[in-house]
PDB file of N, CA and C in Angstrom:
ATOM      1  N   UNK A   1      -0.310 -19.436  13.779  1.00  0.00           N
ATOM      2  CA  UNK A   1      -0.681 -18.047  13.489  1.00  0.00           C
ATOM      3  C   UNK A   1       0.327 -17.464  12.498  1.00  0.00           C
ATOM      4  N   UNK A   2      -0.175 -16.863  11.441  1.00  0.00           N
ATOM      5  CA  UNK A   2       0.704 -16.287  10.423  1.00  0.00           C
ATOM      6  C   UNK A   2       1.382 -15.033  10.963  1.00  0.00           C
ATOM      7  N   UNK A   3       2.626 -14.845  10.538  1.00  0.00           N
ATOM      8  CA  UNK A   3       3.411 -13.694  10.980  1.00  0.00           C
ATOM      9  C   UNK A   3       3.573 -12.715   9.816  1.00  0.00           C
ATOM     10  N   UNK A   4       3.243 -11.446  10.072  1.00  0.00           N
ATOM     11  CA  UNK A   4       3.328 -10.394   9.068  1.00  0.00           C
ATOM     12  C   UNK A   4       4.402  -9.397   9.485  1.00  0.00           C
ATOM     13  N   UNK A   5       5.322  -9.102   8.574  1.00  0.00           N
ATOM     14  CA  UNK A   5       6.336  -8.071   8.823  1.00  0.00           C
ATOM     15  C   UNK A   5       5.875  -6.783   8.159  1.00  0.00           C
ATOM     16  N   UNK A   6       5.737  -5.723   8.965  1.00  0.00           N
ATOM     17  CA  UNK A   6       5.319  -4.411   8.478  1.00  0.00           C
ATOM     18  C   UNK A   6       6.557  -3.524   8.407  1.00  0.00           C
ATOM     19  N   UNK A   7       6.869  -3.012   7.206  1.00  0.00           N
ATOM     20  CA  UNK A   7       8.044  -2.173   7.019  1.00  0.00           C
ATOM     21  C   UNK A   7       7.608  -0.800   6.523  1.00  0.00           C
ATOM     22  N   UNK A   8       7.744   0.210   7.391  1.00  0.00           N
ATOM     23  CA  UNK A   8       7.372   1.581   7.031  1.00  0.00           C
ATOM     24  C   UNK A   8       8.127   2.517   7.957  1.00  0.00           C
ATOM     25  N   UNK A   9       8.522   3.675   7.440  1.00  0.00           N
ATOM     26  CA  UNK A   9       9.273   4.614   8.274  1.00  0.00           C
ATOM     27  C   UNK A   9       8.365   5.632   8.964  1.00  0.00           C
ATOM     28  N   UNK A  10       7.062   5.507   8.775  1.00  0.00           N
ATOM     29  CA  UNK A  10       6.124   6.411   9.443  1.00  0.00           C
ATOM     30  C   UNK A  10       5.483   5.671  10.610  1.00  0.00           C
ATOM     31  N   UNK A  11       5.856   6.048  11.860  1.00  0.00           N
ATOM     32  CA  UNK A  11       5.378   5.319  13.048  1.00  0.00           C
ATOM     33  C   UNK A  11       3.858   5.194  13.124  1.00  0.00           C
ATOM     34  N   UNK A  12       3.125   6.224  12.718  1.00  0.00           N
ATOM     35  CA  UNK A  12       1.660   6.157  12.793  1.00  0.00           C
ATOM     36  C   UNK A  12       1.100   5.087  11.872  1.00  0.00           C
ATOM     37  N   UNK A  13       1.704   4.944  10.711  1.00  0.00           N
ATOM     38  CA  UNK A  13       1.246   3.920   9.764  1.00  0.00           C
ATOM     39  C   UNK A  13       1.578   2.535  10.300  1.00  0.00           C
ATOM     40  N   UNK A  14       2.789   2.386  10.844  1.00  0.00           N
ATOM     41  CA  UNK A  14       3.181   1.094  11.423  1.00  0.00           C
ATOM     42  C   UNK A  14       2.209   0.709  12.535  1.00  0.00           C
ATOM     43  N   UNK A  15       1.902   1.662  13.416  1.00  0.00           N
ATOM     44  CA  UNK A  15       0.987   1.384  14.523  1.00  0.00           C
ATOM     45  C   UNK A  15      -0.399   0.988  14.034  1.00  0.00           C
ATOM     46  N   UNK A  16      -0.913   1.707  13.045  1.00  0.00           N
ATOM     47  CA  UNK A  16      -2.265   1.402  12.576  1.00  0.00           C
ATOM     48  C   UNK A  16      -2.308   0.051  11.860  1.00  0.00           C
ATOM     49  N   UNK A  17      -1.287  -0.247  11.050  1.00  0.00           N
ATOM     50  CA  UNK A  17      -1.264  -1.545  10.354  1.00  0.00           C
ATOM     51  C   UNK A  17      -1.055  -2.673  11.368  1.00  0.00           C
ATOM     52  N   UNK A  18      -0.184  -2.437  12.336  1.00  0.00           N
ATOM     53  CA  UNK A  18       0.087  -3.447  13.363  1.00  0.00           C
ATOM     54  C   UNK A  18      -1.215  -3.791  14.102  1.00  0.00           C
ATOM     55  N   UNK A  19      -1.955  -2.764  14.504  1.00  0.00           N
ATOM     56  CA  UNK A  19      -3.224  -2.964  15.200  1.00  0.00           C
ATOM     57  C   UNK A  19      -4.205  -3.741  14.310  1.00  0.00           C
ATOM     58  N   UNK A  20      -4.308  -3.315  13.066  1.00  0.00           N
ATOM     59  CA  UNK A  20      -5.213  -3.935  12.111  1.00  0.00           C
ATOM     60  C   UNK A  20      -4.889  -5.418  11.912  1.00  0.00           C
ATOM     61  N   UNK A  21      -3.619  -5.721  11.727  1.00  0.00           N
ATOM     62  CA  UNK A  21      -3.200  -7.104  11.495  1.00  0.00           C
ATOM     63  C   UNK A  21      -3.422  -7.962  12.745  1.00  0.00           C
ATOM     64  N   UNK A  22      -3.153  -7.397  13.926  1.00  0.00           N
ATOM     65  CA  UNK A  22      -3.374  -8.146  15.162  1.00  0.00           C
ATOM     66  C   UNK A  22      -4.860  -8.422  15.357  1.00  0.00           C
ATOM     67  N   UNK A  23      -5.706  -7.436  15.036  1.00  0.00           N
ATOM     68  CA  UNK A  23      -7.159  -7.622  15.139  1.00  0.00           C
ATOM     69  C   UNK A  23      -7.618  -8.728  14.197  1.00  0.00           C
ATOM     70  N   UNK A  24      -6.943  -8.862  13.061  1.00  0.00           N
ATOM     71  CA  UNK A  24      -7.311  -9.888  12.075  1.00  0.00           C
ATOM     72  C   UNK A  24      -6.699 -11.251  12.434  1.00  0.00           C
ATOM     73  N   UNK A  25      -5.961 -11.304  13.549  1.00  0.00           N
ATOM     74  CA  UNK A  25      -5.448 -12.583  14.031  1.00  0.00           C
ATOM     75  C   UNK A  25      -4.036 -12.931  13.603  1.00  0.00           C
ATOM     76  N   UNK A  26      -3.260 -11.921  13.167  1.00  0.00           N
ATOM     77  CA  UNK A  26      -1.883 -12.192  12.757  1.00  0.00           C
ATOM     78  C   UNK A  26      -0.900 -11.761  13.835  1.00  0.00           C
ATOM     79  N   UNK A  27       0.243 -12.425  13.865  1.00  0.00           N
ATOM     80  CA  UNK A  27       1.354 -11.982  14.693  1.00  0.00           C
ATOM     81  C   UNK A  27       2.089 -10.918  13.870  1.00  0.00           C
ATOM     82  N   UNK A  28       2.553  -9.841  14.506  1.00  0.00           N
ATOM     83  CA  UNK A  28       3.162  -8.750  13.751  1.00  0.00           C
ATOM     84  C   UNK A  28       4.569  -8.449  14.254  1.00  0.00           C
ATOM     85  N   UNK A  29       5.494  -8.300  13.310  1.00  0.00           N
ATOM     86  CA  UNK A  29       6.822  -7.768  13.608  1.00  0.00           C
ATOM     87  C   UNK A  29       7.003  -6.543  12.714  1.00  0.00           C
ATOM     88  N   UNK A  30       7.845  -5.607  13.142  1.00  0.00           N
ATOM     89  CA  UNK A  30       7.977  -4.364  12.384  1.00  0.00           C
ATOM     90  C   UNK A  30       9.441  -4.006  12.136  1.00  0.00           C
ATOM     91  N   UNK A  31       9.626  -3.164  11.127  1.00  0.00           N
ATOM     92  CA  UNK A  31      10.943  -2.601  10.811  1.00  0.00           C
ATOM     93  C   UNK A  31      10.694  -1.221  10.225  1.00  0.00           C
ATOM     94  N   UNK A  32      11.633  -0.288  10.447  1.00  0.00           N
ATOM     95  CA  UNK A  32      11.393   1.053   9.911  1.00  0.00           C
ATOM     96  C   UNK A  32      12.357   1.477   8.821  1.00  0.00           C
ATOM     97  N   UNK A  33      13.188   0.547   8.337  1.00  0.00           N
ATOM     98  CA  UNK A  33      13.998   0.833   7.149  1.00  0.00           C
ATOM     99  C   UNK A  33      14.361  -0.485   6.458  1.00  0.00           C
ATOM    100  N   UNK A  34      14.981  -0.353   5.297  1.00  0.00           N
ATOM    101  CA  UNK A  34      15.281  -1.535   4.491  1.00  0.00           C
ATOM    102  C   UNK A  34      16.243  -2.510   5.134  1.00  0.00           C
ATOM    103  N   UNK A  35      17.292  -1.989   5.761  1.00  0.00           N
ATOM    104  CA  UNK A  35      18.271  -2.870   6.417  1.00  0.00           C
ATOM    105  C   UNK A  35      17.611  -3.668   7.534  1.00  0.00           C
ATOM    106  N   UNK A  36      16.790  -2.968   8.344  1.00  0.00           N
ATOM    107  CA  UNK A  36      16.067  -3.636   9.428  1.00  0.00           C
ATOM    108  C   UNK A  36      15.113  -4.683   8.869  1.00  0.00           C
ATOM    109  N   UNK A  37      14.491  -4.354   7.754  1.00  0.00           N
ATOM    110  CA  UNK A  37      13.542  -5.283   7.131  1.00  0.00           C
ATOM    111  C   UNK A  37      14.244  -6.592   6.764  1.00  0.00           C
ATOM    112  N   UNK A  38      15.407  -6.481   6.128  1.00  0.00           N
ATOM    113  CA  UNK A  38      16.150  -7.689   5.730  1.00  0.00           C
ATOM    114  C   UNK A  38      16.572  -8.487   6.954  1.00  0.00           C
ATOM    115  N   UNK A  39      17.010  -7.791   8.004  1.00  0.00           N
ATOM    116  CA  UNK A  39      17.410  -8.466   9.242  1.00  0.00           C
ATOM    117  C   UNK A  39      16.205  -9.176   9.875  1.00  0.00           C
ATOM    118  N   UNK A  40      15.041  -8.509   9.872  1.00  0.00           N
ATOM    119  CA  UNK A  40      13.830  -9.098  10.454  1.00  0.00           C
ATOM    120  C   UNK A  40      13.353 -10.315   9.654  1.00  0.00           C
ATOM    121  N   UNK A  41      13.486 -10.247   8.346  1.00  0.00           N
ATOM    122  CA  UNK A  41      13.081 -11.390   7.521  1.00  0.00           C
ATOM    123  C   UNK A  41      13.888 -12.614   7.930  1.00  0.00           C
ATOM    124  N   UNK A  42      15.199 -12.434   8.119  1.00  0.00           N
ATOM    125  CA  UNK A  42      16.052 -13.549   8.522  1.00  0.00           C
ATOM    126  C   UNK A  42      15.763 -13.999   9.950  1.00  0.00           C
ATOM    127  N   UNK A  43      15.538 -13.020  10.843  1.00  0.00           N
ATOM    128  CA  UNK A  43      15.344 -13.335  12.259  1.00  0.00           C
ATOM    129  C   UNK A  43      13.970 -13.932  12.556  1.00  0.00           C
ATOM    130  N   UNK A  44      12.922 -13.346  11.994  1.00  0.00           N
ATOM    131  CA  UNK A  44      11.575 -13.756  12.389  1.00  0.00           C
ATOM    132  C   UNK A  44      10.844 -14.606  11.350  1.00  0.00           C
ATOM    133  N   UNK A  45      11.422 -14.737  10.162  1.00  0.00           N
ATOM    134  CA  UNK A  45      10.841 -15.544   9.081  1.00  0.00           C
ATOM    135  C   UNK A  45       9.333 -15.328   8.933  1.00  0.00           C
ATOM    136  N   UNK A  46       8.948 -14.108   8.528  1.00  0.00           N
ATOM    137  CA  UNK A  46       7.518 -13.807   8.381  1.00  0.00           C
ATOM    138  C   UNK A  46       6.889 -14.597   7.243  1.00  0.00           C
ATOM    139  N   UNK A  47       5.555 -14.711   7.320  1.00  0.00           N
ATOM    140  CA  UNK A  47       4.798 -15.397   6.279  1.00  0.00           C
ATOM    141  C   UNK A  47       4.406 -14.444   5.165  1.00  0.00           C
ATOM    142  N   UNK A  48       4.466 -13.137   5.461  1.00  0.00           N
ATOM    143  CA  UNK A  48       4.099 -12.124   4.479  1.00  0.00           C
ATOM    144  C   UNK A  48       4.741 -10.801   4.876  1.00  0.00           C
ATOM    145  N   UNK A  49       5.049  -9.982   3.882  1.00  0.00           N
ATOM    146  CA  UNK A  49       5.690  -8.691   4.106  1.00  0.00           C
ATOM    147  C   UNK A  49       4.806  -7.578   3.563  1.00  0.00           C
ATOM    148  N   UNK A  50       4.571  -6.554   4.382  1.00  0.00           N
ATOM    149  CA  UNK A  50       3.933  -5.315   3.926  1.00  0.00           C
ATOM    150  C   UNK A  50       5.053  -4.299   3.861  1.00  0.00           C
ATOM    151  N   UNK A  51       5.433  -3.905   2.662  1.00  0.00           N
ATOM    152  CA  UNK A  51       6.673  -3.165   2.438  1.00  0.00           C
ATOM    153  C   UNK A  51       6.437  -1.814   1.785  1.00  0.00           C
ATOM    154  N   UNK A  52       6.788  -0.751   2.512  1.00  0.00           N
ATOM    155  CA  UNK A  52       6.672   0.600   1.974  1.00  0.00           C
ATOM    156  C   UNK A  52       7.762   0.805   0.915  1.00  0.00           C
ATOM    157  N   UNK A  53       7.443   1.527  -0.136  1.00  0.00           N
ATOM    158  CA  UNK A  53       8.441   1.803  -1.169  1.00  0.00           C
ATOM    159  C   UNK A  53       9.430   2.873  -0.709  1.00  0.00           C
ATOM    160  N   UNK A  54       8.898   3.943  -0.099  1.00  0.00           N
ATOM    161  CA  UNK A  54       9.741   5.079   0.295  1.00  0.00           C
ATOM    162  C   UNK A  54      10.308   4.883   1.692  1.00  0.00           C
ATOM    163  N   UNK A  55      11.513   4.331   1.754  1.00  0.00           N
ATOM    164  CA  UNK A  55      12.194   4.106   3.025  1.00  0.00           C
ATOM    165  C   UNK A  55      13.505   4.878   3.033  1.00  0.00           C
ATOM    166  N   UNK A  56      13.974   5.268   4.223  1.00  0.00           N
ATOM    167  CA  UNK A  56      15.282   5.933   4.276  1.00  0.00           C
ATOM    168  C   UNK A  56      16.390   4.936   3.913  1.00  0.00           C
ATOM    169  N   UNK A  57      17.389   5.393   3.171  1.00  0.00           N
ATOM    170  CA  UNK A  57      18.478   4.496   2.774  1.00  0.00           C
ATOM    171  C   UNK A  57      18.038   3.576   1.663  1.00  0.00           C
ATOM    172  N   UNK A  58      17.926   2.307   1.977  1.00  0.00           N
ATOM    173  CA  UNK A  58      17.537   1.295   0.995  1.00  0.00           C
ATOM    174  C   UNK A  58      16.029   1.375   0.739  1.00  0.00           C
ATOM    175  N   UNK A  59      15.627   1.543  -0.517  1.00  0.00           N
ATOM    176  CA  UNK A  59      14.198   1.668  -0.830  1.00  0.00           C
ATOM    177  C   UNK A  59      13.498   0.312  -0.749  1.00  0.00           C
ATOM    178  N   UNK A  60      12.174   0.370  -0.726  1.00  0.00           N
ATOM    179  CA  UNK A  60      11.391  -0.857  -0.746  1.00  0.00           C
ATOM    180  C   UNK A  60      11.677  -1.688  -1.987  1.00  0.00           C
ATOM    181  N   UNK A  61      11.923  -1.014  -3.110  1.00  0.00           N
ATOM    182  CA  UNK A  61      12.261  -1.736  -4.339  1.00  0.00           C
ATOM    183  C   UNK A  61      13.565  -2.517  -4.157  1.00  0.00           C
ATOM    184  N   UNK A  62      14.559  -1.898  -3.483  1.00  0.00           N
ATOM    185  CA  UNK A  62      15.843  -2.575  -3.241  1.00  0.00           C
ATOM    186  C   UNK A  62      15.644  -3.802  -2.348  1.00  0.00           C
ATOM    187  N   UNK A  63      14.828  -3.627  -1.301  1.00  0.00           N
ATOM    188  CA  UNK A  63      14.536  -4.740  -0.391  1.00  0.00           C
ATOM    189  C   UNK A  63      13.859  -5.875  -1.171  1.00  0.00           C
ATOM    190  N   UNK A  64      12.876  -5.513  -1.980  1.00  0.00           N
ATOM    191  CA  UNK A  64      12.151  -6.492  -2.793  1.00  0.00           C
ATOM    192  C   UNK A  64      13.108  -7.273  -3.698  1.00  0.00           C
ATOM    193  N   UNK A  65      13.999  -6.543  -4.359  1.00  0.00           N
ATOM    194  CA  UNK A  65      14.969  -7.203  -5.255  1.00  0.00           C
ATOM    195  C   UNK A  65      15.874  -8.158  -4.500  1.00  0.00           C
ATOM    196  N   UNK A  66      16.354  -7.713  -3.327  1.00  0.00           N
ATOM    197  CA  UNK A  66      17.236  -8.560  -2.513  1.00  0.00           C
ATOM    198  C   UNK A  66      16.506  -9.836  -2.091  1.00  0.00           C
ATOM    199  N   UNK A  67      15.256  -9.690  -1.627  1.00  0.00           N
ATOM    200  CA  UNK A  67      14.498 -10.854  -1.169  1.00  0.00           C
ATOM    201  C   UNK A  67      14.187 -11.803  -2.318  1.00  0.00           C
ATOM    202  N   UNK A  68      13.859 -11.276  -3.476  1.00  0.00           N
ATOM    203  CA  UNK A  68      13.551 -12.122  -4.636  1.00  0.00           C
ATOM    204  C   UNK A  68      14.808 -12.833  -5.146  1.00  0.00           C
ATOM    205  N   UNK A  69      15.976 -12.287  -4.841  1.00  0.00           N
ATOM    206  CA  UNK A  69      17.230 -12.887  -5.288  1.00  0.00           C
ATOM    207  C   UNK A  69      17.724 -14.017  -4.400  1.00  0.00           C
ATOM    208  N   UNK A  70      17.101 -14.218  -3.253  1.00  0.00           N
ATOM    209  CA  UNK A  70      17.504 -15.269  -2.310  1.00  0.00           C
ATOM    210  C   UNK A  70      16.528 -16.438  -2.429  1.00  0.00           C
ATOM    211  N   UNK A  71      17.067 -17.654  -2.469  1.00  0.00           N
ATOM    212  CA  UNK A  71      16.196 -18.830  -2.569  1.00  0.00           C
ATOM    213  C   UNK A  71      15.181 -18.895  -1.436  1.00  0.00           C
ATOM    214  N   UNK A  72      15.632 -18.590  -0.213  1.00  0.00           N
ATOM    215  CA  UNK A  72      14.773 -18.726   0.967  1.00  0.00           C
ATOM    216  C   UNK A  72      13.581 -17.772   0.944  1.00  0.00           C
ATOM    217  N   UNK A  73      13.728 -16.631   0.271  1.00  0.00           N
ATOM    218  CA  UNK A  73      12.659 -15.627   0.294  1.00  0.00           C
ATOM    219  C   UNK A  73      12.102 -15.325  -1.098  1.00  0.00           C
ATOM    220  N   UNK A  74      12.491 -16.106  -2.073  1.00  0.00           N
ATOM    221  CA  UNK A  74      12.061 -15.846  -3.453  1.00  0.00           C
ATOM    222  C   UNK A  74      10.542 -15.880  -3.602  1.00  0.00           C
ATOM    223  N   UNK A  75       9.874 -16.678  -2.755  1.00  0.00           N
ATOM    224  CA  UNK A  75       8.417 -16.821  -2.879  1.00  0.00           C
ATOM    225  C   UNK A  75       7.654 -16.224  -1.708  1.00  0.00           C
ATOM    226  N   UNK A  76       8.340 -15.463  -0.859  1.00  0.00           N
ATOM    227  CA  UNK A  76       7.685 -14.794   0.268  1.00  0.00           C
ATOM    228  C   UNK A  76       6.659 -13.803  -0.278  1.00  0.00           C
ATOM    229  N   UNK A  77       5.382 -13.903   0.150  1.00  0.00           N
ATOM    230  CA  UNK A  77       4.386 -12.948  -0.344  1.00  0.00           C
ATOM    231  C   UNK A  77       4.733 -11.519   0.104  1.00  0.00           C
ATOM    232  N   UNK A  78       4.757 -10.598  -0.838  1.00  0.00           N
ATOM    233  CA  UNK A  78       5.104  -9.201  -0.534  1.00  0.00           C
ATOM    234  C   UNK A  78       4.063  -8.272  -1.139  1.00  0.00           C
ATOM    235  N   UNK A  79       3.483  -7.428  -0.274  1.00  0.00           N
ATOM    236  CA  UNK A  79       2.562  -6.388  -0.727  1.00  0.00           C
ATOM    237  C   UNK A  79       3.274  -5.053  -0.553  1.00  0.00           C
ATOM    238  N   UNK A  80       3.411  -4.317  -1.636  1.00  0.00           N
ATOM    239  CA  UNK A  80       4.060  -3.008  -1.589  1.00  0.00           C
ATOM    240  C   UNK A  80       3.056  -1.948  -1.125  1.00  0.00           C
ATOM    241  N   UNK A  81       3.528  -1.037  -0.274  1.00  0.00           N
ATOM    242  CA  UNK A  81       2.711   0.089   0.180  1.00  0.00           C
ATOM    243  C   UNK A  81       3.316   1.359  -0.378  1.00  0.00           C
ATOM    244  N   UNK A  82       2.499   2.245  -0.892  1.00  0.00           N
ATOM    245  CA  UNK A  82       3.046   3.505  -1.387  1.00  0.00           C
ATOM    246  C   UNK A  82       2.053   4.635  -1.226  1.00  0.00           C
ATOM    247  N   UNK A  83       2.588   5.824  -1.044  1.00  0.00           N
ATOM    248  CA  UNK A  83       1.748   7.018  -0.985  1.00  0.00           C
ATOM    249  C   UNK A  83       1.499   7.517  -2.396  1.00  0.00           C
ATOM    250  N   UNK A  84       2.256   6.987  -3.348  1.00  0.00           N
ATOM    251  CA  UNK A  84       2.133   7.436  -4.734  1.00  0.00           C
ATOM    252  C   UNK A  84       1.436   6.344  -5.526  1.00  0.00           C
ATOM    253  N   UNK A  85       0.267   6.650  -6.026  1.00  0.00           N
ATOM    254  CA  UNK A  85      -0.448   5.627  -6.779  1.00  0.00           C
ATOM    255  C   UNK A  85      -0.067   5.634  -8.244  1.00  0.00           C
ATOM    256  N   UNK A  86       1.164   6.010  -8.533  1.00  0.00           N
ATOM    257  CA  UNK A  86       1.565   6.117  -9.937  1.00  0.00           C
ATOM    258  C   UNK A  86       1.729   4.732 -10.565  1.00  0.00           C
ATOM    259  N   UNK A  87       1.217   4.604 -11.763  1.00  0.00           N
ATOM    260  CA  UNK A  87       1.272   3.319 -12.456  1.00  0.00           C
ATOM    261  C   UNK A  87       2.702   2.836 -12.661  1.00  0.00           C
ATOM    262  N   UNK A  88       3.623   3.778 -12.902  1.00  0.00           N
ATOM    263  CA  UNK A  88       5.006   3.372 -13.168  1.00  0.00           C
ATOM    264  C   UNK A  88       5.594   2.681 -11.932  1.00  0.00           C
ATOM    265  N   UNK A  89       5.270   3.170 -10.726  1.00  0.00           N
ATOM    266  CA  UNK A  89       5.767   2.521  -9.508  1.00  0.00           C
ATOM    267  C   UNK A  89       5.128   1.156  -9.335  1.00  0.00           C
ATOM    268  N   UNK A  90       3.849   1.103  -9.596  1.00  0.00           N
ATOM    269  CA  UNK A  90       3.135  -0.168  -9.488  1.00  0.00           C
ATOM    270  C   UNK A  90       3.747  -1.197 -10.440  1.00  0.00           C
ATOM    271  N   UNK A  91       3.967  -0.772 -11.679  1.00  0.00           N
ATOM    272  CA  UNK A  91       4.536  -1.688 -12.674  1.00  0.00           C
ATOM    273  C   UNK A  91       5.935  -2.135 -12.284  1.00  0.00           C
ATOM    274  N   UNK A  92       6.733  -1.203 -11.759  1.00  0.00           N
ATOM    275  CA  UNK A  92       8.092  -1.556 -11.337  1.00  0.00           C
ATOM    276  C   UNK A  92       8.047  -2.578 -10.206  1.00  0.00           C
ATOM    277  N   UNK A  93       7.182  -2.326  -9.217  1.00  0.00           N
ATOM    278  CA  UNK A  93       7.066  -3.258  -8.094  1.00  0.00           C
ATOM    279  C   UNK A  93       6.635  -4.636  -8.541  1.00  0.00           C
ATOM    280  N   UNK A  94       5.635  -4.688  -9.401  1.00  0.00           N
ATOM    281  CA  UNK A  94       5.145  -5.978  -9.880  1.00  0.00           C
ATOM    282  C   UNK A  94       6.195  -6.665 -10.752  1.00  0.00           C
ATOM    283  N   UNK A  95       6.920  -5.879 -11.550  1.00  0.00           N
ATOM    284  CA  UNK A  95       7.980  -6.441 -12.396  1.00  0.00           C
ATOM    285  C   UNK A  95       9.106  -7.029 -11.547  1.00  0.00           C
ATOM    286  N   UNK A  96       9.369  -6.411 -10.393  1.00  0.00           N
ATOM    287  CA  UNK A  96      10.428  -6.901  -9.505  1.00  0.00           C
ATOM    288  C   UNK A  96       9.963  -8.091  -8.672  1.00  0.00           C
ATOM    289  N   UNK A  97       8.681  -8.408  -8.743  1.00  0.00           N
ATOM    290  CA  UNK A  97       8.200  -9.604  -8.058  1.00  0.00           C
ATOM    291  C   UNK A  97       7.252  -9.373  -6.904  1.00  0.00           C
ATOM    292  N   UNK A  98       6.750  -8.155  -6.716  1.00  0.00           N
ATOM    293  CA  UNK A  98       5.756  -7.936  -5.656  1.00  0.00           C
ATOM    294  C   UNK A  98       4.493  -8.719  -6.004  1.00  0.00           C
ATOM    295  N   UNK A  99       3.810  -9.198  -4.978  1.00  0.00           N
ATOM    296  CA  UNK A  99       2.591  -9.966  -5.200  1.00  0.00           C
ATOM    297  C   UNK A  99       1.370  -9.070  -5.331  1.00  0.00           C
ATOM    298  N   UNK A 100       1.428  -7.916  -4.680  1.00  0.00           N
ATOM    299  CA  UNK A 100       0.290  -7.011  -4.728  1.00  0.00           C
ATOM    300  C   UNK A 100       0.770  -5.613  -4.356  1.00  0.00           C
ATOM    301  N   UNK A 101      -0.165  -4.697  -4.356  1.00  0.00           N
ATOM    302  CA  UNK A 101       0.169  -3.285  -4.264  1.00  0.00           C
ATOM    303  C   UNK A 101      -0.970  -2.557  -3.582  1.00  0.00           C
ATOM    304  N   UNK A 102      -0.673  -1.732  -2.604  1.00  0.00           N
ATOM    305  CA  UNK A 102      -1.723  -0.944  -1.947  1.00  0.00           C
ATOM    306  C   UNK A 102      -1.271   0.511  -1.876  1.00  0.00           C
ATOM    307  N   UNK A 103      -2.160   1.423  -2.230  1.00  0.00           N
ATOM    308  CA  UNK A 103      -1.857   2.851  -2.185  1.00  0.00           C
ATOM    309  C   UNK A 103      -2.406   3.458  -0.906  1.00  0.00           C
ATOM    310  N   UNK A 104      -1.544   4.236  -0.216  1.00  0.00           N
ATOM    311  CA  UNK A 104      -1.994   4.954   0.987  1.00  0.00           C
ATOM    312  C   UNK A 104      -2.701   6.226   0.557  1.00  0.00           C
ATOM    313  N   UNK A 105      -3.715   6.690   1.262  1.00  0.00           N
ATOM    314  CA  UNK A 105      -4.365   5.967   2.362  1.00  0.00           C
ATOM    315  C   UNK A 105      -5.155   4.791   1.800  1.00  0.00           C
ATOM    316  N   UNK A 106      -5.163   3.695   2.535  1.00  0.00           N
ATOM    317  CA  UNK A 106      -5.799   2.485   2.031  1.00  0.00           C
ATOM    318  C   UNK A 106      -7.001   2.123   2.875  1.00  0.00           C
ATOM    319  N   UNK A 107      -7.863   1.340   2.275  1.00  0.00           N
ATOM    320  CA  UNK A 107      -9.008   0.800   2.997  1.00  0.00           C
ATOM    321  C   UNK A 107      -8.484  -0.320   3.891  1.00  0.00           C
ATOM    322  N   UNK A 108      -8.785  -0.224   5.184  1.00  0.00           N
ATOM    323  CA  UNK A 108      -8.297  -1.244   6.114  1.00  0.00           C
ATOM    324  C   UNK A 108      -8.839  -2.618   5.741  1.00  0.00           C
ATOM    325  N   UNK A 109     -10.090  -2.657   5.333  1.00  0.00           N
ATOM    326  CA  UNK A 109     -10.708  -3.929   4.948  1.00  0.00           C
ATOM    327  C   UNK A 109     -10.010  -4.524   3.725  1.00  0.00           C
ATOM    328  N   UNK A 110      -9.698  -3.677   2.745  1.00  0.00           N
ATOM    329  CA  UNK A 110      -9.022  -4.157   1.530  1.00  0.00           C
ATOM    330  C   UNK A 110      -7.647  -4.721   1.871  1.00  0.00           C
ATOM    331  N   UNK A 111      -6.933  -4.054   2.781  1.00  0.00           N
ATOM    332  CA  UNK A 111      -5.603  -4.531   3.164  1.00  0.00           C
ATOM    333  C   UNK A 111      -5.697  -5.895   3.836  1.00  0.00           C
ATOM    334  N   UNK A 112      -6.586  -6.032   4.790  1.00  0.00           N
ATOM    335  CA  UNK A 112      -6.756  -7.312   5.483  1.00  0.00           C
ATOM    336  C   UNK A 112      -7.138  -8.410   4.482  1.00  0.00           C
ATOM    337  N   UNK A 113      -8.034  -8.090   3.561  1.00  0.00           N
ATOM    338  CA  UNK A 113      -8.455  -9.090   2.577  1.00  0.00           C
ATOM    339  C   UNK A 113      -7.307  -9.517   1.671  1.00  0.00           C
ATOM    340  N   UNK A 114      -6.471  -8.564   1.253  1.00  0.00           N
ATOM    341  CA  UNK A 114      -5.324  -8.905   0.398  1.00  0.00           C
ATOM    342  C   UNK A 114      -4.355  -9.808   1.148  1.00  0.00           C
ATOM    343  N   UNK A 115      -4.083  -9.473   2.420  1.00  0.00           N
ATOM    344  CA  UNK A 115      -3.174 -10.283   3.236  1.00  0.00           C
ATOM    345  C   UNK A 115      -3.742 -11.689   3.399  1.00  0.00           C
ATOM    346  N   UNK A 116      -5.016 -11.789   3.758  1.00  0.00           N
ATOM    347  CA  UNK A 116      -5.629 -13.103   3.947  1.00  0.00           C
ATOM    348  C   UNK A 116      -5.625 -13.918   2.651  1.00  0.00           C
ATOM    349  N   UNK A 117      -5.902 -13.255   1.534  1.00  0.00           N
ATOM    350  CA  UNK A 117      -5.923 -13.956   0.248  1.00  0.00           C
ATOM    351  C   UNK A 117      -4.547 -14.505  -0.102  1.00  0.00           C
ATOM    352  N   UNK A 118      -3.508 -13.684   0.070  1.00  0.00           N
ATOM    353  CA  UNK A 118      -2.151 -14.142  -0.259  1.00  0.00           C
ATOM    354  C   UNK A 118      -1.715 -15.268   0.671  1.00  0.00           C
ATOM    355  N   UNK A 119      -2.040 -15.162   1.951  1.00  0.00           N
ATOM    356  CA  UNK A 119      -1.632 -16.197   2.899  1.00  0.00           C
ATOM    357  C   UNK A 119      -2.386 -17.508   2.643  1.00  0.00           C
ATOM    358  N   UNK A 120      -3.639 -17.427   2.231  1.00  0.00           N
ATOM    359  CA  UNK A 120      -4.368 -18.667   1.973  1.00  0.00           C
ATOM    360  C   UNK A 120      -3.830 -19.359   0.723  1.00  0.00           C
ATOM    361  N   UNK A 121      -3.283 -18.582  -0.233  1.00  0.00           N
ATOM    362  CA  UNK A 121      -2.646 -19.195  -1.411  1.00  0.00           C
ATOM    363  C   UNK A 121      -1.394 -19.958  -1.020  1.00  0.00           C
ATOM    364  N   UNK A 122      -0.721 -19.480   0.040  1.00  0.00           N
ATOM    365  CA  UNK A 122       0.539 -20.090   0.458  1.00  0.00           C
ATOM    366  C   UNK A 122       0.325 -21.414   1.192  1.00  0.00           C
ATOM    367  N   UNK A 123      -0.851 -21.594   1.769  1.00  0.00           N
ATOM    368  CA  UNK A 123      -1.110 -22.827   2.539  1.00  0.00           C
ATOM    369  C   UNK A 123      -1.189 -24.013   1.584  1.00  0.00           C
ATOM    370  N   UNK A 124      -0.601 -25.140   1.978  1.00  0.00           N
ATOM    371  CA  UNK A 124      -0.657 -26.328   1.100  1.00  0.00           C
ATOM    372  C   UNK A 124      -2.053 -26.881   0.993  1.00  0.00           C
TER     373      UNK A 124
END
């Protein structure tokens, strides 16, 4: 079973994504800030990360950069979540190595499909 790490500082969003991912058959771990996210990546070794850009302290962009800079996580699939659908943020995230991008509020079906698509690419 694939493991998805959900990183968001809004508990309602974490709960809804967690429920959605579990319904789609994924194991879910969560973190509510960037430091926790990095610790969870090392501890639980997720197969995919759903990462909010706006986090307290270390931003999602900082987390993304740190993960892309490590050999072990350089190819970890990462989907950025943002409340701001601004193209400049999208471009920055993709330039830093994000695999995909979802704007809140998002279609639950679209999110599940993006996660499934990225995870199926990772399978040998």
